Amino acid sequence: MDIRAKVYFMEERRRYAREEELPESEINLLLSLEKSKKQLYCRAKQLYEAGWALQAIGNAFSPPIRRSTVQYWVKNGDFSHKIDKKLVFPSNLPKKVGYQRKKPLSPGISEADTLRLRYLAPLARNYRSGMGLASLQGSANQELTELATFLHSQGVTIAELARATGVTFRAMARRLGK
């Protein structure tokens, strides 16, 4: 098995604990290992494989160490320099193995709503402030904004709405007030 396959396999099996701080005892241990780089790298690797986030390990130091630096420690950690102190595991590990999304998946846009958005978009594009809401373009502009706002409140992403209407992400975000 080549190196990339090993790293992918290791990453796939790891469970992530998000937004959890290291306990005080572990922070003190890491600070005491600052002089011995090999032991520090080893302990960082142990913590990472136990489920601790790179950010949590880096935040143990003052000033905080960047995640990229901690990632370097994890990659170069060698288990021949093991620390005998008991390893502390995060309390909020997810049940499933692998990456866990923070945001829920978008429900998508129904075919009827997509057709309506495609119909309204070119009309709304020609709307100008002097036209009034009673005009065809004015009512299309208002309906497009209401439909997009409703769909966005249901969890549809701005990018999906922009693709469906044929406008840029920025234009749709501006329409939604984001």
Protein backbone atom coordinates (compact mmCIF):
# COMPACT_ATOMS: atom_id res chain seq x y z
CA MET A 1 0.00 0.00 0.00
CA ASP A 2 1.51 3.36 -0.98
CA ILE A 3 1.70 6.39 1.34
CA ARG A 4 -1.35 8.16 -0.13
CA ALA A 5 -3.51 5.08 0.32
CA LYS A 6 -2.35 4.74 3.94
CA VAL A 7 -3.12 8.39 4.69
CA TYR A 8 -6.55 8.13 3.02
CA PHE A 9 -7.32 4.94 4.93
CA MET A 10 -6.25 6.53 8.21
CA GLU A 11 -8.35 9.66 7.54
CA GLU A 12 -11.39 7.59 6.53
CA ARG A 13 -11.43 5.67 9.82
CA ARG A 14 -10.86 8.69 12.07
CA ARG A 15 -13.80 10.25 13.92
CA TYR A 16 -13.69 14.02 14.44
CA ALA A 17 -14.60 15.86 17.64
CA ARG A 18 -15.52 19.41 16.71
CA GLU A 19 -15.38 22.48 18.91
CA GLU A 20 -14.05 20.69 21.99
CA GLU A 21 -11.15 21.95 24.10
CA LEU A 22 -8.37 19.72 25.43
CA PRO A 23 -8.56 19.06 29.18
CA GLU A 24 -6.20 21.02 31.43
CA SER A 25 -4.08 17.94 32.23
CA GLU A 26 -3.43 17.33 28.53
CA ILE A 27 -2.59 21.00 27.93
CA ASN A 28 -0.03 20.87 30.77
CA LEU A 29 1.48 17.70 29.31
CA LEU A 30 1.83 19.29 25.85
CA LEU A 31 3.43 22.40 27.35
CA SER A 32 5.92 20.24 29.25
CA LEU A 33 6.86 18.45 26.00
CA GLU A 34 7.70 21.66 24.11
CA LYS A 35 11.44 21.14 24.66
CA SER A 36 11.39 17.57 23.30
CA LYS A 37 10.10 17.94 19.75
CA LYS A 38 9.95 14.18 19.01
CA GLN A 39 7.80 13.50 22.07
CA LEU A 40 5.62 16.51 21.27
CA TYR A 41 5.07 15.25 17.70
CA CYS A 42 4.25 11.79 19.02
CA ARG A 43 1.71 13.11 21.55
CA ALA A 44 0.11 15.35 18.90
CA LYS A 45 -0.25 12.31 16.63
CA GLN A 46 -1.77 10.26 19.48
CA LEU A 47 -4.29 13.01 20.25
CA TYR A 48 -5.18 13.45 16.58
CA GLU A 49 -5.77 9.73 16.08
CA ALA A 50 -7.86 9.67 19.27
CA GLY A 51 -10.23 12.16 17.61
CA TRP A 52 -9.01 15.57 18.74
CA ALA A 53 -9.14 18.35 16.15
CA LEU A 54 -5.91 19.99 14.97
CA GLN A 55 -7.31 23.32 16.19
CA ALA A 56 -7.88 21.95 19.70
CA ILE A 57 -4.29 20.70 19.88
CA GLY A 58 -2.95 24.03 18.60
CA ASN A 59 -5.06 26.07 21.03
CA ALA A 60 -3.28 24.39 23.95
CA PHE A 61 -0.29 26.69 23.38
CA SER A 62 0.06 30.39 24.03
CA PRO A 63 0.03 31.92 21.46
CA PRO A 64 -2.04 29.27 19.67
CA ILE A 65 -0.19 27.13 17.12
CA ARG A 66 -1.60 27.13 13.59
CA ARG A 67 -3.40 24.00 12.35
CA SER A 68 -0.91 23.57 9.51
CA THR A 69 1.92 23.33 12.05
CA VAL A 70 0.03 20.77 14.14
CA GLN A 71 -0.70 18.83 10.96
CA TYR A 72 3.06 18.74 10.27
CA TRP A 73 3.60 17.37 13.80
CA VAL A 74 0.99 14.68 13.22
CA LYS A 75 2.50 13.62 9.90
CA ASN A 76 6.00 13.48 11.37
CA GLY A 77 5.07 11.94 14.72
CA ASP A 78 6.87 8.69 15.46
CA PHE A 79 5.39 6.18 17.90
CA SER A 80 8.85 5.06 19.04
CA HIS A 81 8.81 8.11 21.37
CA LYS A 82 5.59 7.09 23.14
CA ILE A 83 4.42 8.93 26.23
CA ASP A 84 3.15 6.60 28.94
CA LYS A 85 0.52 9.01 30.26
CA LYS A 86 -3.08 7.82 29.72
CA LEU A 87 -4.66 9.25 26.56
CA VAL A 88 -7.81 11.36 27.01
CA PHE A 89 -10.55 10.91 24.40
CA PRO A 90 -13.03 13.63 23.39
CA SER A 91 -16.50 13.28 24.89
CA ASN A 92 -18.54 14.31 21.85
CA LEU A 93 -17.25 11.88 19.21
CA PRO A 94 -19.89 11.18 16.55
CA LYS A 95 -21.27 7.66 16.20
CA LYS A 96 -20.47 7.38 12.49
CA VAL A 97 -16.93 7.03 11.21
CA GLY A 98 -15.62 9.57 8.69
CA TYR A 99 -16.41 13.17 7.89
CA GLN A 100 -19.59 14.59 9.41
CA ARG A 101 -21.24 17.55 7.70
CA LYS A 102 -22.03 20.56 9.86
CA LYS A 103 -24.76 21.87 7.59
CA PRO A 104 -27.62 19.62 6.50
CA LEU A 105 -27.88 18.75 2.83
CA SER A 106 -30.02 21.00 0.67
CA PRO A 107 -33.48 19.60 -0.12
CA GLY A 108 -33.05 20.81 -3.71
CA ILE A 109 -35.45 22.72 -5.92
CA SER A 110 -38.53 21.01 -7.32
CA GLU A 111 -39.05 20.90 -11.08
CA ALA A 112 -42.07 23.25 -10.84
CA ASP A 113 -40.10 25.81 -8.82
CA THR A 114 -37.14 25.55 -11.23
CA LEU A 115 -39.41 26.26 -14.20
CA ARG A 116 -41.00 29.19 -12.37
CA LEU A 117 -37.58 30.64 -11.45
CA ARG A 118 -36.39 30.31 -15.06
CA TYR A 119 -39.52 32.08 -16.30
CA LEU A 120 -39.32 34.94 -13.78
CA ALA A 121 -35.57 35.63 -13.96
CA PRO A 122 -35.40 37.31 -17.40
CA LEU A 123 -38.48 39.43 -16.64
CA ALA A 124 -37.13 40.50 -13.26
CA ARG A 125 -33.76 41.33 -14.83
CA ASN A 126 -35.45 44.08 -16.89
CA TYR A 127 -37.20 45.64 -13.89
CA ARG A 128 -36.25 49.24 -13.06
CA SER A 129 -37.33 51.23 -10.04
CA GLY A 130 -39.48 53.63 -12.05
CA MET A 131 -41.67 50.87 -13.52
CA GLY A 132 -43.83 50.25 -10.48
CA LEU A 133 -44.92 46.94 -9.01
CA ALA A 134 -48.04 46.68 -11.20
CA SER A 135 -45.95 46.20 -14.36
CA LEU A 136 -45.09 42.72 -15.64
CA GLN A 137 -41.43 43.18 -14.74
CA GLY A 138 -42.26 44.62 -11.30
CA SER A 139 -44.54 41.74 -10.34
CA ALA A 140 -41.99 39.22 -11.71
CA ASN A 141 -39.24 40.86 -9.64
CA GLN A 142 -41.32 40.74 -6.48
CA GLU A 143 -42.43 37.13 -7.06
CA LEU A 144 -38.86 36.02 -7.82
CA THR A 145 -37.60 37.59 -4.59
CA GLU A 146 -40.40 35.99 -2.54
CA LEU A 147 -39.90 32.54 -4.11
CA ALA A 148 -36.11 32.68 -3.70
CA THR A 149 -36.45 33.84 -0.08
CA PHE A 150 -38.90 31.04 0.70
CA LEU A 151 -36.71 28.37 -0.91
CA HIS A 152 -33.63 29.69 0.89
CA SER A 153 -35.48 29.54 4.23
CA GLN A 154 -36.24 25.86 3.45
CA GLY A 155 -32.52 25.10 3.18
CA VAL A 156 -31.84 25.55 -0.54
CA THR A 157 -28.38 27.06 -1.06
CA ILE A 158 -27.74 30.40 -2.74
CA ALA A 159 -25.60 28.62 -5.34
CA GLU A 160 -28.49 26.34 -6.33
CA LEU A 161 -30.85 29.30 -6.63
CA ALA A 162 -28.31 31.20 -8.73
CA ARG A 163 -27.87 28.22 -11.07
CA ALA A 164 -31.63 27.77 -11.46
CA THR A 165 -32.19 31.45 -12.33
CA GLY A 166 -29.09 31.84 -14.49
CA VAL A 167 -27.57 34.68 -12.45
CA THR A 168 -24.33 34.95 -10.51
CA PHE A 169 -24.00 33.87 -6.89
CA ARG A 170 -23.42 37.49 -5.89
CA ALA A 171 -26.59 38.69 -7.66
CA MET A 172 -28.70 36.06 -5.88
CA ALA A 173 -27.07 36.81 -2.54
CA ARG A 174 -27.83 40.50 -3.02
CA ARG A 175 -31.46 39.68 -3.85
CA LEU A 176 -31.73 37.64 -0.64
CA GLY A 177 -30.01 40.34 1.40
CA LYS A 178 -27.03 38.15 2.35
